[in-house]
């Protein structure tokens, strides 16, 4: 029996003054998803669209892991340019709607986002080319944070839940420390060590590296769960 594996490609861009990571994920057939477009000006918009055009990708979906202001300023541009649907967690809708006002406190420009075409929740599956990507609910940093798990390609995009050597903030409105650490322990640390973690800020890491070396998981987890 012949097994053929279609691996997904991932390209990261770091945008806006808060250093947010935007991801373009694409399949062998050139279909692509845009995840957390942090592009906040025409220069950054062009970087994103130039890459998509150079690789000859076909955007089919826009996703937000969560709707903090640094992860959504490019929503308007992406939907307008590519006429694709936006999907978020329902619990993130108030953050999405308030983003333009919140942006002013950070000196950012954030056009109002188009309304979501639908909402994602735990266990939903969407397909890119030949590969299925599973939606995992990982709240705590925000009320309805989502992670996107590509099992065959062995990576997960986690937004601001988990970082290389750190974890997401839990002192923001709508965040919660115990919930965040439960998400990490019960949803992320159950994945294999070799899985690559693509975070909303900073460099990539792996589940195994964070399990072994992340000081928050080594020292702080039990205190937050008790």
N, C-alpha and C. Protein backbone atom coordinates (compact mmCIF):
# COMPACT_ATOMS: atom_id res chain seq x y z
N UNK A 1 0.86 -1.20 0.00
CA UNK A 1 0.00 0.00 0.00
C UNK A 1 0.88 1.24 0.00
N UNK A 2 0.54 2.23 -0.81
CA UNK A 2 1.31 3.46 -0.93
C UNK A 2 0.67 4.55 -0.10
N UNK A 3 1.45 5.15 0.78
CA UNK A 3 0.97 6.27 1.60
C UNK A 3 1.60 7.55 1.08
N UNK A 4 0.79 8.56 0.80
CA UNK A 4 1.28 9.85 0.33
C UNK A 4 0.89 10.91 1.35
N UNK A 5 1.88 11.65 1.85
CA UNK A 5 1.62 12.67 2.85
C UNK A 5 1.76 14.05 2.21
N UNK A 6 0.78 14.89 2.40
CA UNK A 6 0.80 16.24 1.85
C UNK A 6 1.05 17.21 3.00
N UNK A 7 2.27 17.68 3.12
CA UNK A 7 2.63 18.55 4.23
C UNK A 7 2.26 19.99 3.91
N UNK A 8 1.84 20.70 4.92
CA UNK A 8 1.51 22.11 4.77
C UNK A 8 2.75 22.97 5.02
N UNK A 9 2.86 24.03 4.25
CA UNK A 9 3.94 25.00 4.42
C UNK A 9 3.47 26.13 5.32
N UNK A 10 4.40 26.71 6.07
CA UNK A 10 4.09 27.81 6.99
C UNK A 10 5.09 28.93 6.76
N UNK A 11 4.60 30.15 6.56
CA UNK A 11 5.45 31.33 6.46
C UNK A 11 5.04 32.33 7.53
N UNK A 12 6.00 32.82 8.28
CA UNK A 12 5.74 33.78 9.36
C UNK A 12 6.19 35.18 8.97
N UNK A 13 5.37 36.16 9.31
CA UNK A 13 5.72 37.58 9.17
C UNK A 13 5.55 38.23 10.54
N UNK A 14 6.43 39.14 10.88
CA UNK A 14 6.30 39.88 12.14
C UNK A 14 5.92 41.31 11.83
N UNK A 15 4.75 41.72 12.31
CA UNK A 15 4.17 43.01 11.95
C UNK A 15 3.85 43.84 13.19
N UNK A 16 3.64 45.09 12.96
CA UNK A 16 3.17 46.15 13.86
C UNK A 16 4.12 46.36 15.05
N UNK A 17 3.98 47.51 15.73
CA UNK A 17 4.92 47.84 16.81
C UNK A 17 4.96 46.84 17.96
N UNK A 18 3.96 45.98 18.07
CA UNK A 18 3.94 44.99 19.15
C UNK A 18 4.58 43.67 18.73
N UNK A 19 5.15 43.63 17.53
CA UNK A 19 5.90 42.45 17.11
C UNK A 19 5.06 41.19 17.02
N UNK A 20 3.89 41.31 16.41
CA UNK A 20 2.97 40.18 16.30
C UNK A 20 3.33 39.29 15.10
N UNK A 21 3.18 37.99 15.29
CA UNK A 21 3.46 37.02 14.22
C UNK A 21 2.19 36.71 13.43
N UNK A 22 2.25 36.98 12.14
CA UNK A 22 1.19 36.64 11.20
C UNK A 22 1.63 35.40 10.43
N UNK A 23 0.70 34.50 10.16
CA UNK A 23 1.04 33.26 9.46
C UNK A 23 0.25 33.08 8.17
N UNK A 24 0.95 32.63 7.15
CA UNK A 24 0.32 32.15 5.93
C UNK A 24 0.64 30.66 5.83
N UNK A 25 -0.40 29.86 5.71
CA UNK A 25 -0.27 28.41 5.65
C UNK A 25 -0.83 27.95 4.32
N UNK A 26 -0.08 27.12 3.58
CA UNK A 26 -0.58 26.70 2.28
C UNK A 26 -0.27 25.24 1.98
N UNK A 27 -1.08 24.71 1.09
CA UNK A 27 -1.01 23.31 0.72
C UNK A 27 -0.36 23.16 -0.65
N UNK A 28 -0.18 21.91 -1.05
CA UNK A 28 0.43 21.61 -2.34
C UNK A 28 -0.37 22.20 -3.50
N UNK A 29 -1.68 22.29 -3.35
CA UNK A 29 -2.51 22.83 -4.42
C UNK A 29 -2.61 24.35 -4.40
N UNK A 30 -1.83 25.00 -3.52
CA UNK A 30 -1.70 26.46 -3.44
C UNK A 30 -2.84 27.14 -2.70
N UNK A 31 -3.79 26.38 -2.17
CA UNK A 31 -4.77 27.02 -1.28
C UNK A 31 -4.07 27.48 -0.02
N UNK A 32 -4.47 28.64 0.49
CA UNK A 32 -3.81 29.13 1.70
C UNK A 32 -4.80 29.73 2.68
N UNK A 33 -4.41 29.66 3.94
CA UNK A 33 -5.12 30.33 5.02
C UNK A 33 -4.23 31.44 5.56
N UNK A 34 -4.83 32.55 5.92
CA UNK A 34 -4.12 33.66 6.56
C UNK A 34 -4.59 33.69 8.02
N UNK A 35 -3.64 33.66 8.93
CA UNK A 35 -3.96 33.56 10.35
C UNK A 35 -3.39 34.75 11.11
N UNK A 36 -4.25 35.48 11.80
CA UNK A 36 -3.86 36.63 12.63
C UNK A 36 -3.10 37.70 11.86
N UNK A 37 -3.73 38.35 10.90
CA UNK A 37 -3.03 39.37 10.12
C UNK A 37 -2.77 40.63 10.95
N UNK A 38 -1.55 40.76 11.42
CA UNK A 38 -1.19 41.91 12.25
C UNK A 38 -0.72 43.11 11.46
N UNK A 39 -0.77 43.03 10.15
CA UNK A 39 -0.30 44.13 9.30
C UNK A 39 -1.12 45.38 9.59
N UNK A 40 -0.42 46.48 9.91
CA UNK A 40 -1.11 47.66 10.43
C UNK A 40 -0.92 48.91 9.59
N UNK A 41 -0.31 48.76 8.42
CA UNK A 41 -0.15 49.90 7.51
C UNK A 41 0.02 49.37 6.10
N UNK A 42 0.05 50.29 5.13
CA UNK A 42 0.10 49.87 3.73
C UNK A 42 1.39 49.13 3.39
N UNK A 43 2.49 49.50 4.04
CA UNK A 43 3.76 48.81 3.79
C UNK A 43 3.67 47.34 4.21
N UNK A 44 3.14 47.10 5.39
CA UNK A 44 3.01 45.71 5.87
C UNK A 44 1.96 44.95 5.07
N UNK A 45 0.88 45.63 4.66
CA UNK A 45 -0.10 44.98 3.80
C UNK A 45 0.56 44.47 2.52
N UNK A 46 1.44 45.29 1.96
CA UNK A 46 2.09 44.94 0.70
C UNK A 46 3.05 43.76 0.88
N UNK A 47 3.74 43.72 2.02
CA UNK A 47 4.63 42.58 2.28
C UNK A 47 3.82 41.29 2.24
N UNK A 48 2.67 41.30 2.88
CA UNK A 48 1.83 40.10 2.93
C UNK A 48 1.32 39.73 1.54
N UNK A 49 0.75 40.69 0.84
CA UNK A 49 0.15 40.38 -0.46
C UNK A 49 1.20 40.07 -1.52
N UNK A 50 2.38 40.71 -1.44
CA UNK A 50 3.45 40.39 -2.39
C UNK A 50 3.88 38.94 -2.25
N UNK A 51 3.99 38.46 -1.01
CA UNK A 51 4.38 37.06 -0.82
C UNK A 51 3.33 36.13 -1.41
N UNK A 52 2.08 36.41 -1.14
CA UNK A 52 1.00 35.56 -1.65
C UNK A 52 1.01 35.53 -3.17
N UNK A 53 1.26 36.67 -3.79
CA UNK A 53 1.29 36.73 -5.25
C UNK A 53 2.53 36.04 -5.82
N UNK A 54 3.67 36.23 -5.17
CA UNK A 54 4.91 35.62 -5.67
C UNK A 54 4.84 34.10 -5.65
N UNK A 55 4.22 33.54 -4.61
CA UNK A 55 4.11 32.08 -4.50
C UNK A 55 2.89 31.57 -5.27
N UNK A 56 2.08 32.52 -5.75
CA UNK A 56 0.86 32.19 -6.51
C UNK A 56 -0.13 31.38 -5.66
N UNK A 57 -0.34 31.89 -4.45
CA UNK A 57 -1.28 31.23 -3.55
C UNK A 57 -2.70 31.73 -3.78
N UNK A 58 -3.66 30.93 -3.33
CA UNK A 58 -5.07 31.28 -3.42
C UNK A 58 -5.67 31.30 -2.01
N UNK A 59 -5.77 32.48 -1.42
CA UNK A 59 -6.37 32.56 -0.08
C UNK A 59 -7.81 32.08 -0.09
N UNK A 60 -8.15 31.23 0.88
CA UNK A 60 -9.53 30.73 0.96
C UNK A 60 -10.18 31.00 2.30
N UNK A 61 -9.38 31.36 3.33
CA UNK A 61 -9.97 31.56 4.65
C UNK A 61 -9.06 32.45 5.49
N UNK A 62 -9.67 33.28 6.34
CA UNK A 62 -8.97 34.11 7.31
C UNK A 62 -9.39 33.66 8.70
N UNK A 63 -8.39 33.45 9.58
CA UNK A 63 -8.64 32.97 10.93
C UNK A 63 -7.97 33.87 11.94
N UNK A 64 -8.63 34.07 13.06
CA UNK A 64 -8.02 34.73 14.21
C UNK A 64 -7.94 33.75 15.36
N UNK A 65 -6.72 33.54 15.90
CA UNK A 65 -6.61 32.72 17.10
C UNK A 65 -7.33 33.38 18.26
N UNK A 66 -7.21 34.70 18.32
CA UNK A 66 -7.93 35.51 19.29
C UNK A 66 -7.96 36.93 18.73
N UNK A 67 -8.68 37.83 19.39
CA UNK A 67 -8.95 39.12 18.76
C UNK A 67 -8.37 40.30 19.52
N UNK A 68 -7.25 40.12 20.19
CA UNK A 68 -6.53 41.27 20.73
C UNK A 68 -6.06 42.16 19.59
N UNK A 69 -5.88 43.42 19.90
CA UNK A 69 -5.73 44.43 18.87
C UNK A 69 -4.52 44.21 17.97
N UNK A 70 -3.47 43.57 18.46
CA UNK A 70 -2.29 43.36 17.62
C UNK A 70 -2.44 42.20 16.65
N UNK A 71 -3.51 41.43 16.78
CA UNK A 71 -3.70 40.26 15.91
C UNK A 71 -4.75 40.46 14.83
N UNK A 72 -5.44 41.60 14.84
CA UNK A 72 -6.56 41.78 13.90
C UNK A 72 -6.51 43.02 13.02
N UNK A 73 -5.48 43.89 13.09
CA UNK A 73 -5.55 45.11 12.30
C UNK A 73 -5.59 44.88 10.79
N UNK A 74 -5.12 43.72 10.33
CA UNK A 74 -5.15 43.43 8.90
C UNK A 74 -6.40 42.71 8.43
N UNK A 75 -7.34 42.45 9.34
CA UNK A 75 -8.56 41.74 8.93
C UNK A 75 -9.28 42.46 7.79
N UNK A 76 -9.45 43.76 7.93
CA UNK A 76 -10.17 44.53 6.91
C UNK A 76 -9.48 44.41 5.55
N UNK A 77 -8.16 44.59 5.55
CA UNK A 77 -7.41 44.53 4.29
C UNK A 77 -7.53 43.16 3.64
N UNK A 78 -7.35 42.11 4.41
CA UNK A 78 -7.35 40.76 3.86
C UNK A 78 -8.72 40.40 3.28
N UNK A 79 -9.78 40.68 4.02
CA UNK A 79 -11.12 40.34 3.54
C UNK A 79 -11.47 41.15 2.30
N UNK A 80 -11.11 42.43 2.31
CA UNK A 80 -11.42 43.29 1.16
C UNK A 80 -10.64 42.86 -0.08
N UNK A 81 -9.37 42.53 0.08
CA UNK A 81 -8.52 42.19 -1.07
C UNK A 81 -8.86 40.82 -1.64
N UNK A 82 -9.10 39.85 -0.78
CA UNK A 82 -9.24 38.47 -1.25
C UNK A 82 -10.67 37.93 -1.19
N UNK A 83 -11.57 38.71 -0.62
CA UNK A 83 -12.98 38.31 -0.56
C UNK A 83 -13.13 36.91 0.03
N UNK A 84 -12.54 36.73 1.20
CA UNK A 84 -12.58 35.43 1.87
C UNK A 84 -13.28 35.57 3.22
N UNK A 85 -13.82 34.48 3.75
CA UNK A 85 -14.54 34.54 5.02
C UNK A 85 -13.60 34.61 6.22
N UNK A 86 -14.06 35.26 7.27
CA UNK A 86 -13.35 35.35 8.54
C UNK A 86 -14.03 34.46 9.55
N UNK A 87 -13.23 33.67 10.29
CA UNK A 87 -13.77 32.83 11.35
C UNK A 87 -13.00 33.08 12.64
N UNK A 88 -13.75 33.19 13.74
CA UNK A 88 -13.18 33.40 15.07
C UNK A 88 -13.97 32.56 16.06
N UNK A 89 -13.58 32.61 17.31
CA UNK A 89 -14.40 32.05 18.39
C UNK A 89 -15.49 33.07 18.74
N UNK A 90 -16.67 32.58 19.03
CA UNK A 90 -17.78 33.47 19.37
C UNK A 90 -17.45 34.33 20.59
N UNK A 91 -16.70 33.76 21.54
CA UNK A 91 -16.35 34.49 22.76
C UNK A 91 -15.42 35.67 22.50
N UNK A 92 -14.80 35.70 21.33
CA UNK A 92 -13.88 36.78 20.99
C UNK A 92 -14.56 37.97 20.31
N UNK A 93 -15.82 37.84 20.00
CA UNK A 93 -16.50 38.89 19.24
C UNK A 93 -16.45 40.27 19.93
N UNK A 94 -16.66 40.39 21.24
CA UNK A 94 -16.55 41.72 21.85
C UNK A 94 -15.16 42.33 21.69
N UNK A 95 -14.10 41.51 21.77
CA UNK A 95 -12.75 42.04 21.56
C UNK A 95 -12.58 42.52 20.13
N UNK A 96 -13.10 41.77 19.18
CA UNK A 96 -12.99 42.17 17.77
C UNK A 96 -13.69 43.50 17.53
N UNK A 97 -14.87 43.65 18.11
CA UNK A 97 -15.64 44.87 17.88
C UNK A 97 -15.03 46.09 18.56
N UNK A 98 -14.33 45.89 19.67
CA UNK A 98 -13.74 47.02 20.39
C UNK A 98 -12.32 47.34 19.95
N UNK A 99 -11.76 46.54 19.06
CA UNK A 99 -10.35 46.69 18.68
C UNK A 99 -9.99 48.09 18.17
N UNK A 100 -10.80 48.73 17.33
CA UNK A 100 -10.41 50.07 16.85
C UNK A 100 -10.22 51.08 17.97
N UNK A 101 -11.05 51.02 19.00
CA UNK A 101 -10.91 51.95 20.12
C UNK A 101 -9.72 51.57 20.99
N UNK A 102 -9.55 50.30 21.24
CA UNK A 102 -8.41 49.84 22.06
C UNK A 102 -7.09 50.18 21.38
N UNK A 103 -7.07 50.13 20.06
CA UNK A 103 -5.83 50.40 19.31
C UNK A 103 -5.27 51.78 19.61
N UNK A 104 -6.14 52.73 19.87
CA UNK A 104 -5.69 54.09 20.12
C UNK A 104 -4.77 54.17 21.33
N UNK A 105 -4.99 53.32 22.32
CA UNK A 105 -4.15 53.33 23.53
C UNK A 105 -2.75 52.81 23.25
N UNK A 106 -2.59 52.05 22.17
CA UNK A 106 -1.28 51.50 21.81
C UNK A 106 -0.63 52.25 20.66
N UNK A 107 -1.27 53.33 20.21
CA UNK A 107 -0.74 54.08 19.08
C UNK A 107 -0.84 53.32 17.78
N UNK A 108 -1.77 52.40 17.67
CA UNK A 108 -1.95 51.59 16.47
C UNK A 108 -3.16 52.08 15.68
N UNK A 109 -3.16 51.78 14.41
CA UNK A 109 -4.32 52.00 13.58
C UNK A 109 -4.96 50.64 13.30
N UNK A 110 -6.23 50.54 13.60
CA UNK A 110 -6.93 49.27 13.42
C UNK A 110 -8.30 49.54 12.82
N UNK A 111 -8.44 49.43 11.51
CA UNK A 111 -9.76 49.63 10.90
C UNK A 111 -10.76 48.62 11.46
N UNK A 112 -12.03 48.99 11.53
CA UNK A 112 -13.03 48.02 11.98
C UNK A 112 -12.97 46.75 11.15
N UNK A 113 -13.00 45.63 11.82
CA UNK A 113 -12.93 44.35 11.13
C UNK A 113 -14.28 44.01 10.51
N UNK A 114 -14.27 43.34 9.36
CA UNK A 114 -15.53 42.77 8.86
C UNK A 114 -16.10 41.81 9.88
N UNK A 115 -17.39 41.66 9.87
CA UNK A 115 -18.04 40.70 10.77
C UNK A 115 -17.62 39.28 10.39
N UNK A 116 -17.49 38.41 11.38
CA UNK A 116 -17.16 37.01 11.05
C UNK A 116 -18.24 36.37 10.19
N UNK A 117 -17.80 35.48 9.32
CA UNK A 117 -18.75 34.68 8.53
C UNK A 117 -19.30 33.53 9.35
N UNK A 118 -18.58 33.17 10.41
CA UNK A 118 -19.02 32.08 11.27
C UNK A 118 -18.09 31.97 12.46
N UNK A 119 -18.40 31.04 13.34
CA UNK A 119 -17.64 30.89 14.56
C UNK A 119 -17.09 29.47 14.67
N UNK A 120 -15.88 29.37 15.23
CA UNK A 120 -15.22 28.09 15.43
C UNK A 120 -15.23 27.72 16.90
N UNK A 121 -15.22 26.42 17.17
CA UNK A 121 -15.17 25.95 18.55
C UNK A 121 -14.43 24.62 18.59
N UNK A 122 -14.21 24.14 19.80
CA UNK A 122 -13.47 22.91 20.04
C UNK A 122 -13.96 21.76 19.16
N UNK A 123 -13.01 21.11 18.47
CA UNK A 123 -13.33 19.94 17.68
C UNK A 123 -13.70 20.22 16.24
N UNK A 124 -13.93 21.48 15.89
CA UNK A 124 -14.21 21.80 14.48
C UNK A 124 -12.99 21.44 13.63
N UNK A 125 -13.24 21.08 12.40
CA UNK A 125 -12.16 20.72 11.47
C UNK A 125 -12.36 21.48 10.18
N UNK A 126 -11.30 22.09 9.70
CA UNK A 126 -11.34 22.71 8.38
C UNK A 126 -10.20 22.13 7.55
N UNK A 127 -10.37 22.17 6.25
CA UNK A 127 -9.46 21.47 5.35
C UNK A 127 -8.70 22.44 4.47
N UNK A 128 -7.42 22.17 4.30
CA UNK A 128 -6.56 22.95 3.42
C UNK A 128 -5.85 21.96 2.51
N UNK A 129 -6.22 21.95 1.24
CA UNK A 129 -5.67 20.94 0.35
C UNK A 129 -6.08 19.57 0.83
N UNK A 130 -5.10 18.71 1.02
CA UNK A 130 -5.36 17.33 1.45
C UNK A 130 -5.36 17.16 2.97
N UNK A 131 -5.01 18.21 3.69
CA UNK A 131 -4.83 18.04 5.14
C UNK A 131 -5.96 18.69 5.93
N UNK A 132 -6.36 18.00 6.98
CA UNK A 132 -7.37 18.53 7.88
C UNK A 132 -6.69 19.17 9.09
N UNK A 133 -7.21 20.33 9.48
CA UNK A 133 -6.67 21.07 10.62
C UNK A 133 -7.76 21.15 11.70
N UNK A 134 -7.39 20.76 12.89
CA UNK A 134 -8.35 20.68 13.99
C UNK A 134 -8.30 21.94 14.85
N UNK A 135 -9.47 22.41 15.23
CA UNK A 135 -9.59 23.57 16.11
C UNK A 135 -9.57 23.08 17.56
N UNK A 136 -8.67 23.66 18.36
CA UNK A 136 -8.57 23.33 19.77
C UNK A 136 -8.87 24.59 20.58
N UNK A 137 -9.75 24.49 21.52
CA UNK A 137 -10.10 25.62 22.38
C UNK A 137 -9.02 25.79 23.45
N UNK A 138 -8.37 26.96 23.46
CA UNK A 138 -7.31 27.24 24.43
C UNK A 138 -7.51 28.63 25.05
N UNK A 139 -8.57 28.82 25.82
CA UNK A 139 -8.81 30.12 26.45
C UNK A 139 -7.86 30.35 27.62
N UNK A 140 -7.92 31.56 28.14
CA UNK A 140 -7.12 31.92 29.31
C UNK A 140 -6.41 33.23 29.10
N UNK A 141 -5.65 33.35 28.00
CA UNK A 141 -5.08 34.64 27.63
C UNK A 141 -6.18 35.57 27.17
N UNK A 142 -7.17 35.01 26.52
CA UNK A 142 -8.37 35.73 26.11
C UNK A 142 -9.56 34.79 26.30
N UNK A 143 -10.77 35.33 26.27
CA UNK A 143 -11.93 34.49 26.64
C UNK A 143 -12.16 33.29 25.73
N UNK A 144 -11.84 33.42 24.44
CA UNK A 144 -12.15 32.34 23.50
C UNK A 144 -10.99 31.97 22.61
N UNK A 145 -9.78 31.99 23.13
CA UNK A 145 -8.61 31.70 22.33
C UNK A 145 -8.68 30.33 21.67
N UNK A 146 -8.19 30.26 20.43
CA UNK A 146 -8.18 29.02 19.67
C UNK A 146 -6.76 28.69 19.23
N UNK A 147 -6.48 27.40 19.08
CA UNK A 147 -5.24 26.93 18.47
C UNK A 147 -5.60 26.05 17.29
N UNK A 148 -4.71 26.00 16.30
CA UNK A 148 -4.96 25.26 15.07
C UNK A 148 -3.90 24.18 14.91
N UNK A 149 -4.34 22.91 14.98
CA UNK A 149 -3.47 21.74 15.09
C UNK A 149 -3.46 20.98 13.78
N UNK A 150 -2.29 21.01 13.08
CA UNK A 150 -2.09 20.27 11.84
C UNK A 150 -1.33 18.99 12.18
N UNK A 151 -2.07 17.93 12.45
CA UNK A 151 -1.45 16.71 12.97
C UNK A 151 -0.48 16.08 11.98
N UNK A 152 -0.86 15.98 10.72
CA UNK A 152 0.02 15.35 9.73
C UNK A 152 1.29 16.15 9.49
N UNK A 153 1.16 17.48 9.52
CA UNK A 153 2.34 18.34 9.33
C UNK A 153 3.10 18.59 10.61
N UNK A 154 2.53 18.17 11.73
CA UNK A 154 3.21 18.16 13.04
C UNK A 154 3.54 19.57 13.54
N UNK A 155 2.56 20.47 13.43
CA UNK A 155 2.71 21.79 14.02
C UNK A 155 1.37 22.26 14.56
N UNK A 156 1.46 23.27 15.42
CA UNK A 156 0.26 23.90 15.97
C UNK A 156 0.50 25.39 16.08
N UNK A 157 -0.49 26.18 15.67
CA UNK A 157 -0.46 27.63 15.81
C UNK A 157 -1.31 27.99 17.03
N UNK A 158 -0.70 28.64 18.02
CA UNK A 158 -1.34 28.78 19.34
C UNK A 158 -1.69 30.21 19.73
N UNK A 159 -1.45 31.18 18.87
CA UNK A 159 -1.70 32.56 19.29
C UNK A 159 -0.81 32.93 20.46
N UNK A 160 -1.38 33.54 21.48
CA UNK A 160 -0.59 34.01 22.63
C UNK A 160 -0.76 33.12 23.86
N UNK A 161 -1.09 31.87 23.67
CA UNK A 161 -1.25 30.95 24.81
C UNK A 161 0.10 30.53 25.36
N UNK A 162 1.01 30.14 24.46
CA UNK A 162 2.31 29.59 24.85
C UNK A 162 3.39 30.19 23.97
N UNK A 163 4.52 30.57 24.61
CA UNK A 163 5.66 31.14 23.90
C UNK A 163 6.91 30.32 24.17
N UNK A 164 7.94 30.63 23.41
CA UNK A 164 9.26 30.06 23.67
C UNK A 164 9.75 30.59 25.01
N UNK A 165 9.70 29.75 26.04
CA UNK A 165 10.17 30.14 27.36
C UNK A 165 9.20 30.95 28.18
N UNK A 166 7.96 31.07 27.74
CA UNK A 166 7.01 31.89 28.48
C UNK A 166 5.59 31.43 28.18
N UNK A 167 4.63 32.15 28.74
CA UNK A 167 3.21 31.89 28.49
C UNK A 167 2.53 33.23 28.26
N UNK A 168 1.28 33.17 27.80
CA UNK A 168 0.54 34.38 27.54
C UNK A 168 0.20 35.14 28.81
N UNK A 169 0.02 36.45 28.67
CA UNK A 169 -0.38 37.27 29.81
C UNK A 169 -1.76 36.84 30.30
N UNK A 170 -1.93 36.92 31.61
CA UNK A 170 -3.24 36.61 32.19
C UNK A 170 -3.69 37.72 33.13
N UNK A 171 -3.20 38.95 32.87
CA UNK A 171 -3.61 40.11 33.65
C UNK A 171 -4.41 41.10 32.82
N UNK A 172 -4.91 40.67 31.68
CA UNK A 172 -5.68 41.53 30.79
C UNK A 172 -7.17 41.32 31.02
N UNK A 173 -8.00 42.30 30.64
CA UNK A 173 -9.45 42.09 30.77
C UNK A 173 -9.89 40.85 30.01
N UNK A 174 -10.61 39.98 30.67
CA UNK A 174 -11.08 38.75 30.04
C UNK A 174 -10.11 37.59 30.12
N UNK A 175 -8.91 37.82 30.66
CA UNK A 175 -7.95 36.72 30.80
C UNK A 175 -8.10 36.09 32.19
N UNK A 176 -7.52 34.88 32.30
CA UNK A 176 -7.63 34.17 33.58
C UNK A 176 -6.49 33.17 33.69
N UNK A 177 -5.69 33.31 34.75
CA UNK A 177 -4.51 32.48 34.91
C UNK A 177 -4.78 30.99 35.01
N UNK A 178 -5.65 30.55 35.91
CA UNK A 178 -5.93 29.11 36.00
C UNK A 178 -6.45 28.52 34.69
N UNK A 179 -7.31 29.29 34.00
CA UNK A 179 -7.83 28.79 32.72
C UNK A 179 -6.71 28.66 31.70
N UNK A 180 -5.81 29.64 31.66
CA UNK A 180 -4.68 29.59 30.73
C UNK A 180 -3.83 28.35 30.98
N UNK A 181 -3.48 28.11 32.24
CA UNK A 181 -2.61 26.98 32.53
C UNK A 181 -3.31 25.64 32.29
N UNK A 182 -4.62 25.60 32.49
CA UNK A 182 -5.34 24.37 32.14
C UNK A 182 -5.30 24.13 30.63
N UNK A 183 -5.45 25.19 29.87
CA UNK A 183 -5.38 25.05 28.42
C UNK A 183 -4.02 24.50 28.00
N UNK A 184 -2.97 25.02 28.60
CA UNK A 184 -1.63 24.56 28.25
C UNK A 184 -1.44 23.11 28.66
N UNK A 185 -1.84 22.78 29.87
CA UNK A 185 -1.61 21.42 30.38
C UNK A 185 -2.49 20.40 29.68
N UNK A 186 -3.78 20.70 29.53
CA UNK A 186 -4.72 19.70 29.06
C UNK A 186 -4.82 19.63 27.53
N UNK A 187 -4.49 20.73 26.83
CA UNK A 187 -4.64 20.75 25.38
C UNK A 187 -3.31 20.73 24.64
N UNK A 188 -2.30 21.41 25.17
CA UNK A 188 -1.03 21.50 24.44
C UNK A 188 -0.01 20.48 24.93
N UNK A 189 0.13 20.33 26.24
CA UNK A 189 1.15 19.41 26.76
C UNK A 189 0.78 17.95 26.56
N UNK A 190 -0.39 17.67 26.03
CA UNK A 190 -0.76 16.30 25.67
C UNK A 190 -0.30 15.95 24.26
N UNK A 191 0.22 16.92 23.51
CA UNK A 191 0.72 16.66 22.16
C UNK A 191 2.13 16.08 22.22
N UNK A 192 2.58 15.42 21.15
CA UNK A 192 3.93 14.84 21.15
C UNK A 192 5.02 15.90 21.25
N UNK A 193 6.16 15.52 21.81
CA UNK A 193 7.27 16.45 22.04
C UNK A 193 7.75 17.12 20.76
N UNK A 194 7.71 16.42 19.63
CA UNK A 194 8.32 16.96 18.41
C UNK A 194 7.44 17.99 17.70
N UNK A 195 6.22 18.19 18.15
CA UNK A 195 5.31 19.13 17.48
C UNK A 195 5.86 20.54 17.57
N UNK A 196 5.94 21.22 16.44
CA UNK A 196 6.42 22.60 16.38
C UNK A 196 5.30 23.54 16.83
N UNK A 197 5.66 24.50 17.68
CA UNK A 197 4.71 25.48 18.19
C UNK A 197 5.00 26.83 17.54
N UNK A 198 4.01 27.33 16.81
CA UNK A 198 4.09 28.66 16.21
C UNK A 198 3.26 29.61 17.07
N UNK A 199 3.96 30.54 17.71
CA UNK A 199 3.31 31.45 18.67
C UNK A 199 3.00 32.80 18.05
N UNK A 200 2.21 33.57 18.79
CA UNK A 200 1.80 34.89 18.31
C UNK A 200 2.87 35.95 18.42
N UNK A 201 3.95 35.66 19.15
CA UNK A 201 5.09 36.56 19.28
C UNK A 201 6.33 35.71 19.47
N UNK A 202 7.46 36.20 18.99
CA UNK A 202 8.72 35.53 19.26
C UNK A 202 8.99 34.33 18.38
N UNK A 203 10.07 33.59 18.70
CA UNK A 203 10.50 32.48 17.86
C UNK A 203 9.67 31.22 18.07
N UNK A 204 9.79 30.32 17.10
CA UNK A 204 9.12 29.02 17.19
C UNK A 204 9.76 28.20 18.31
N UNK A 205 9.04 27.18 18.73
CA UNK A 205 9.57 26.25 19.72
C UNK A 205 8.95 24.89 19.47
N UNK A 206 9.09 23.97 20.40
CA UNK A 206 8.43 22.67 20.30
C UNK A 206 7.74 22.37 21.62
N UNK A 207 6.79 21.46 21.58
CA UNK A 207 6.11 21.05 22.79
C UNK A 207 7.11 20.48 23.79
N UNK A 208 8.03 19.64 23.31
CA UNK A 208 9.00 19.01 24.20
C UNK A 208 9.92 20.01 24.87
N UNK A 209 10.35 21.03 24.12
CA UNK A 209 11.22 22.06 24.68
C UNK A 209 10.51 22.80 25.81
N UNK A 210 9.26 23.16 25.58
CA UNK A 210 8.52 23.90 26.61
C UNK A 210 8.19 23.00 27.80
N UNK A 211 7.88 21.76 27.53
CA UNK A 211 7.59 20.84 28.62
C UNK A 211 8.79 20.72 29.56
N UNK A 212 9.99 20.75 28.98
CA UNK A 212 11.21 20.51 29.75
C UNK A 212 11.79 21.78 30.34
N UNK A 213 11.71 22.90 29.61
CA UNK A 213 12.48 24.08 30.02
C UNK A 213 11.66 25.32 30.37
N UNK A 214 10.40 25.38 29.97
CA UNK A 214 9.62 26.59 30.22
C UNK A 214 9.48 26.81 31.73
N UNK A 215 10.00 27.92 32.26
CA UNK A 215 9.98 28.11 33.71
C UNK A 215 8.58 28.24 34.28
N UNK A 216 7.64 28.74 33.51
CA UNK A 216 6.26 28.86 34.01
C UNK A 216 5.64 27.48 34.19
N UNK A 217 5.98 26.56 33.30
CA UNK A 217 5.43 25.21 33.42
C UNK A 217 6.16 24.40 34.47
N UNK A 218 7.44 24.70 34.65
CA UNK A 218 8.21 23.97 35.66
C UNK A 218 7.85 24.40 37.07
N UNK A 219 7.60 25.72 37.23
CA UNK A 219 7.48 26.26 38.59
C UNK A 219 6.09 26.78 38.95
N UNK A 220 5.34 27.22 37.93
CA UNK A 220 4.12 27.94 38.25
C UNK A 220 2.84 27.19 38.02
N UNK A 221 2.89 26.05 37.35
CA UNK A 221 1.66 25.41 36.91
C UNK A 221 0.78 24.97 38.06
N UNK A 222 1.32 24.21 38.98
CA UNK A 222 0.49 23.66 40.05
C UNK A 222 -0.15 24.74 40.91
N UNK A 223 0.58 25.83 41.12
CA UNK A 223 0.03 26.91 41.92
C UNK A 223 -1.20 27.53 41.31
N UNK A 224 -1.21 27.63 39.97
CA UNK A 224 -2.35 28.22 39.32
C UNK A 224 -3.53 27.25 39.21
N UNK A 225 -3.24 25.97 39.21
CA UNK A 225 -4.31 24.99 39.08
C UNK A 225 -4.92 24.61 40.42
N UNK A 226 -4.25 24.93 41.50
CA UNK A 226 -4.76 24.52 42.83
C UNK A 226 -5.86 25.47 43.31
